[in-house]
């Protein structure tokens, strides 16, 4: 899978931060949650717009 199909950058959304495609959820936020100990399953359950 090409990452460009899953990640979007739009200057009008979250100040141009890389976001999960089709959402306003920043990639940096997801990485922060993972580094804080959340599992991928927990993130998907907490934020339904994100899929595996």
PDB file of N, CA and C in Angstrom:
ATOM      1  N   UNK A   1       0.837  -1.171   0.000  1.00  0.00           N
ATOM      2  CA  UNK A   1       0.000   0.000   0.000  1.00  0.00           C
ATOM      3  C   UNK A   1       0.891   1.246   0.000  1.00  0.00           C
ATOM      4  N   UNK A   2       0.501   2.208  -0.772  1.00  0.00           N
ATOM      5  CA  UNK A   2       1.214   3.476  -0.860  1.00  0.00           C
ATOM      6  C   UNK A   2       0.763   4.384   0.286  1.00  0.00           C
ATOM      7  N   UNK A   3       1.701   4.884   1.078  1.00  0.00           N
ATOM      8  CA  UNK A   3       1.359   5.729   2.229  1.00  0.00           C
ATOM      9  C   UNK A   3       0.583   6.967   1.819  1.00  0.00           C
ATOM     10  N   UNK A   4       0.766   7.422   0.585  1.00  0.00           N
ATOM     11  CA  UNK A   4       0.068   8.629   0.123  1.00  0.00           C
ATOM     12  C   UNK A   4      -1.433   8.411  -0.017  1.00  0.00           C
ATOM     13  N   UNK A   5      -1.863   7.164  -0.014  1.00  0.00           N
ATOM     14  CA  UNK A   5      -3.296   6.869  -0.036  1.00  0.00           C
ATOM     15  C   UNK A   5      -3.900   6.994   1.368  1.00  0.00           C
ATOM     16  N   UNK A   6      -3.063   7.014   2.406  1.00  0.00           N
ATOM     17  CA  UNK A   6      -3.540   7.029   3.790  1.00  0.00           C
ATOM     18  C   UNK A   6      -3.249   8.324   4.537  1.00  0.00           C
ATOM     19  N   UNK A   7      -2.297   9.111   4.031  1.00  0.00           N
ATOM     20  CA  UNK A   7      -1.872  10.335   4.710  1.00  0.00           C
ATOM     21  C   UNK A   7      -2.173  11.528   3.812  1.00  0.00           C
ATOM     22  N   UNK A   8      -2.729  12.588   4.414  1.00  0.00           N
ATOM     23  CA  UNK A   8      -3.009  13.798   3.633  1.00  0.00           C
ATOM     24  C   UNK A   8      -2.394  15.011   4.320  1.00  0.00           C
ATOM     25  N   UNK A   9      -2.053  16.000   3.505  1.00  0.00           N
ATOM     26  CA  UNK A   9      -1.536  17.264   4.016  1.00  0.00           C
ATOM     27  C   UNK A   9      -2.317  18.365   3.331  1.00  0.00           C
ATOM     28  N   UNK A  10      -2.981  19.187   4.138  1.00  0.00           N
ATOM     29  CA  UNK A  10      -3.792  20.289   3.617  1.00  0.00           C
ATOM     30  C   UNK A  10      -3.536  21.497   4.513  1.00  0.00           C
ATOM     31  N   UNK A  11      -3.066  22.601   3.939  1.00  0.00           N
ATOM     32  CA  UNK A  11      -2.782  23.781   4.761  1.00  0.00           C
ATOM     33  C   UNK A  11      -3.981  24.263   5.576  1.00  0.00           C
ATOM     34  N   UNK A  12      -5.183  23.931   5.151  1.00  0.00           N
ATOM     35  CA  UNK A  12      -6.383  24.364   5.849  1.00  0.00           C
ATOM     36  C   UNK A  12      -6.838  23.433   6.960  1.00  0.00           C
ATOM     37  N   UNK A  13      -6.134  22.328   7.141  1.00  0.00           N
ATOM     38  CA  UNK A  13      -6.501  21.350   8.177  1.00  0.00           C
ATOM     39  C   UNK A  13      -5.311  21.153   9.103  1.00  0.00           C
ATOM     40  N   UNK A  14      -5.526  21.386  10.379  1.00  0.00           N
ATOM     41  CA  UNK A  14      -4.490  21.201  11.416  1.00  0.00           C
ATOM     42  C   UNK A  14      -3.183  21.912  11.059  1.00  0.00           C
ATOM     43  N   UNK A  15      -3.313  23.098  10.462  1.00  0.00           N
ATOM     44  CA  UNK A  15      -2.152  23.934  10.123  1.00  0.00           C
ATOM     45  C   UNK A  15      -1.176  23.230   9.188  1.00  0.00           C
ATOM     46  N   UNK A  16      -1.696  22.338   8.344  1.00  0.00           N
ATOM     47  CA  UNK A  16      -0.862  21.654   7.367  1.00  0.00           C
ATOM     48  C   UNK A  16      -0.126  20.439   7.888  1.00  0.00           C
ATOM     49  N   UNK A  17      -0.450  20.012   9.104  1.00  0.00           N
ATOM     50  CA  UNK A  17       0.189  18.804   9.637  1.00  0.00           C
ATOM     51  C   UNK A  17      -0.298  17.587   8.862  1.00  0.00           C
ATOM     52  N   UNK A  18       0.559  16.584   8.752  1.00  0.00           N
ATOM     53  CA  UNK A  18       0.166  15.330   8.117  1.00  0.00           C
ATOM     54  C   UNK A  18      -0.937  14.687   8.946  1.00  0.00           C
ATOM     55  N   UNK A  19      -2.033  14.312   8.275  1.00  0.00           N
ATOM     56  CA  UNK A  19      -3.187  13.721   8.957  1.00  0.00           C
ATOM     57  C   UNK A  19      -3.549  12.386   8.335  1.00  0.00           C
ATOM     58  N   UNK A  20      -4.225  11.575   9.122  1.00  0.00           N
ATOM     59  CA  UNK A  20      -4.793  10.342   8.602  1.00  0.00           C
ATOM     60  C   UNK A  20      -5.814  10.762   7.550  1.00  0.00           C
ATOM     61  N   UNK A  21      -5.701  10.207   6.354  1.00  0.00           N
ATOM     62  CA  UNK A  21      -6.559  10.610   5.244  1.00  0.00           C
ATOM     63  C   UNK A  21      -8.034  10.623   5.594  1.00  0.00           C
ATOM     64  N   UNK A  22      -8.705  11.710   5.228  1.00  0.00           N
ATOM     65  CA  UNK A  22     -10.134  11.828   5.453  1.00  0.00           C
ATOM     66  C   UNK A  22     -10.520  12.202   6.872  1.00  0.00           C
ATOM     67  N   UNK A  23      -9.518  12.487   7.724  1.00  0.00           N
ATOM     68  CA  UNK A  23      -9.802  12.863   9.112  1.00  0.00           C
ATOM     69  C   UNK A  23      -9.010  14.119   9.460  1.00  0.00           C
ATOM     70  N   UNK A  24      -9.227  14.605  10.661  1.00  0.00           N
ATOM     71  CA  UNK A  24      -8.437  15.712  11.196  1.00  0.00           C
ATOM     72  C   UNK A  24      -7.484  15.193  12.276  1.00  0.00           C
ATOM     73  N   UNK A  25      -7.231  13.896  12.268  1.00  0.00           N
ATOM     74  CA  UNK A  25      -6.354  13.270  13.257  1.00  0.00           C
ATOM     75  C   UNK A  25      -4.922  13.315  12.728  1.00  0.00           C
ATOM     76  N   UNK A  26      -4.058  14.033  13.442  1.00  0.00           N
ATOM     77  CA  UNK A  26      -2.671  14.192  13.003  1.00  0.00           C
ATOM     78  C   UNK A  26      -1.887  12.891  13.182  1.00  0.00           C
ATOM     79  N   UNK A  27      -1.026  12.624  12.220  1.00  0.00           N
ATOM     80  CA  UNK A  27      -0.147  11.458  12.304  1.00  0.00           C
ATOM     81  C   UNK A  27       0.705  11.560  13.570  1.00  0.00           C
ATOM     82  N   UNK A  28       1.157  12.759  13.903  1.00  0.00           N
ATOM     83  CA  UNK A  28       1.957  12.952  15.118  1.00  0.00           C
ATOM     84  C   UNK A  28       1.180  12.541  16.365  1.00  0.00           C
ATOM     85  N   UNK A  29      -0.131  12.780  16.373  1.00  0.00           N
ATOM     86  CA  UNK A  29      -0.950  12.357  17.512  1.00  0.00           C
ATOM     87  C   UNK A  29      -0.958  10.836  17.627  1.00  0.00           C
ATOM     88  N   UNK A  30      -1.146  10.162  16.507  1.00  0.00           N
ATOM     89  CA  UNK A  30      -1.173   8.693  16.510  1.00  0.00           C
ATOM     90  C   UNK A  30       0.171   8.150  16.999  1.00  0.00           C
ATOM     91  N   UNK A  31       1.261   8.719  16.511  1.00  0.00           N
ATOM     92  CA  UNK A  31       2.582   8.274  16.957  1.00  0.00           C
ATOM     93  C   UNK A  31       2.777   8.535  18.449  1.00  0.00           C
ATOM     94  N   UNK A  32       2.260   9.645  18.930  1.00  0.00           N
ATOM     95  CA  UNK A  32       2.335   9.946  20.359  1.00  0.00           C
ATOM     96  C   UNK A  32       1.576   8.938  21.192  1.00  0.00           C
ATOM     97  N   UNK A  33       0.388   8.564  20.727  1.00  0.00           N
ATOM     98  CA  UNK A  33      -0.406   7.569  21.455  1.00  0.00           C
ATOM     99  C   UNK A  33       0.315   6.233  21.498  1.00  0.00           C
ATOM    100  N   UNK A  34       0.922   5.852  20.372  1.00  0.00           N
ATOM    101  CA  UNK A  34       1.668   4.593  20.335  1.00  0.00           C
ATOM    102  C   UNK A  34       2.861   4.646  21.287  1.00  0.00           C
ATOM    103  N   UNK A  35       3.585   5.760  21.284  1.00  0.00           N
ATOM    104  CA  UNK A  35       4.755   5.862  22.163  1.00  0.00           C
ATOM    105  C   UNK A  35       4.354   5.937  23.635  1.00  0.00           C
ATOM    106  N   UNK A  36       3.123   6.369  23.904  1.00  0.00           N
ATOM    107  CA  UNK A  36       2.623   6.423  25.281  1.00  0.00           C
ATOM    108  C   UNK A  36       2.122   5.068  25.764  1.00  0.00           C
ATOM    109  N   UNK A  37       2.094   4.090  24.854  1.00  0.00           N
ATOM    110  CA  UNK A  37       1.716   2.744  25.267  1.00  0.00           C
ATOM    111  C   UNK A  37       0.388   2.234  24.745  1.00  0.00           C
ATOM    112  N   UNK A  38      -0.362   3.078  24.028  1.00  0.00           N
ATOM    113  CA  UNK A  38      -1.620   2.580  23.459  1.00  0.00           C
ATOM    114  C   UNK A  38      -1.303   1.566  22.368  1.00  0.00           C
ATOM    115  N   UNK A  39      -2.135   0.556  22.254  1.00  0.00           N
ATOM    116  CA  UNK A  39      -1.981  -0.408  21.171  1.00  0.00           C
ATOM    117  C   UNK A  39      -2.755   0.090  19.955  1.00  0.00           C
ATOM    118  N   UNK A  40      -2.439  -0.475  18.806  1.00  0.00           N
ATOM    119  CA  UNK A  40      -3.167  -0.111  17.588  1.00  0.00           C
ATOM    120  C   UNK A  40      -4.651  -0.400  17.759  1.00  0.00           C
ATOM    121  N   UNK A  41      -4.974  -1.498  18.426  1.00  0.00           N
ATOM    122  CA  UNK A  41      -6.372  -1.864  18.642  1.00  0.00           C
ATOM    123  C   UNK A  41      -7.091  -0.829  19.502  1.00  0.00           C
ATOM    124  N   UNK A  42      -6.413  -0.329  20.528  1.00  0.00           N
ATOM    125  CA  UNK A  42      -7.008   0.698  21.390  1.00  0.00           C
ATOM    126  C   UNK A  42      -7.245   2.000  20.626  1.00  0.00           C
ATOM    127  N   UNK A  43      -6.298   2.361  19.789  1.00  0.00           N
ATOM    128  CA  UNK A  43      -6.444   3.593  19.002  1.00  0.00           C
ATOM    129  C   UNK A  43      -7.618   3.470  18.050  1.00  0.00           C
ATOM    130  N   UNK A  44      -7.726   2.352  17.358  1.00  0.00           N
ATOM    131  CA  UNK A  44      -8.834   2.141  16.421  1.00  0.00           C
ATOM    132  C   UNK A  44     -10.172   2.153  17.162  1.00  0.00           C
ATOM    133  N   UNK A  45     -10.217   1.571  18.355  1.00  0.00           N
ATOM    134  CA  UNK A  45     -11.458   1.552  19.134  1.00  0.00           C
ATOM    135  C   UNK A  45     -11.834   2.954  19.606  1.00  0.00           C
ATOM    136  N   UNK A  46     -10.843   3.743  19.980  1.00  0.00           N
ATOM    137  CA  UNK A  46     -11.074   5.093  20.501  1.00  0.00           C
ATOM    138  C   UNK A  46     -11.392   6.102  19.389  1.00  0.00           C
ATOM    139  N   UNK A  47     -10.820   5.880  18.217  1.00  0.00           N
ATOM    140  CA  UNK A  47     -10.977   6.798  17.086  1.00  0.00           C
ATOM    141  C   UNK A  47     -11.450   6.017  15.861  1.00  0.00           C
ATOM    142  N   UNK A  48     -12.752   5.741  15.764  1.00  0.00           N
ATOM    143  CA  UNK A  48     -13.293   4.902  14.692  1.00  0.00           C
ATOM    144  C   UNK A  48     -12.955   5.334  13.258  1.00  0.00           C
ATOM    145  N   UNK A  49     -12.708   6.629  12.985  1.00  0.00           N
ATOM    146  CA  UNK A  49     -12.345   6.958  11.604  1.00  0.00           C
ATOM    147  C   UNK A  49     -11.027   6.328  11.158  1.00  0.00           C
ATOM    148  N   UNK A  50     -10.204   5.911  12.135  1.00  0.00           N
ATOM    149  CA  UNK A  50      -8.934   5.270  11.796  1.00  0.00           C
ATOM    150  C   UNK A  50      -9.188   3.779  11.622  1.00  0.00           C
ATOM    151  N   UNK A  51      -8.672   3.228  10.552  1.00  0.00           N
ATOM    152  CA  UNK A  51      -8.777   1.785  10.323  1.00  0.00           C
ATOM    153  C   UNK A  51      -7.381   1.205  10.196  1.00  0.00           C
ATOM    154  N   UNK A  52      -7.287  -0.070  10.359  1.00  0.00           N
ATOM    155  CA  UNK A  52      -5.990  -0.734  10.209  1.00  0.00           C
ATOM    156  C   UNK A  52      -5.791  -0.959   8.771  1.00  0.00           C
TER     157      UNK A  52
END
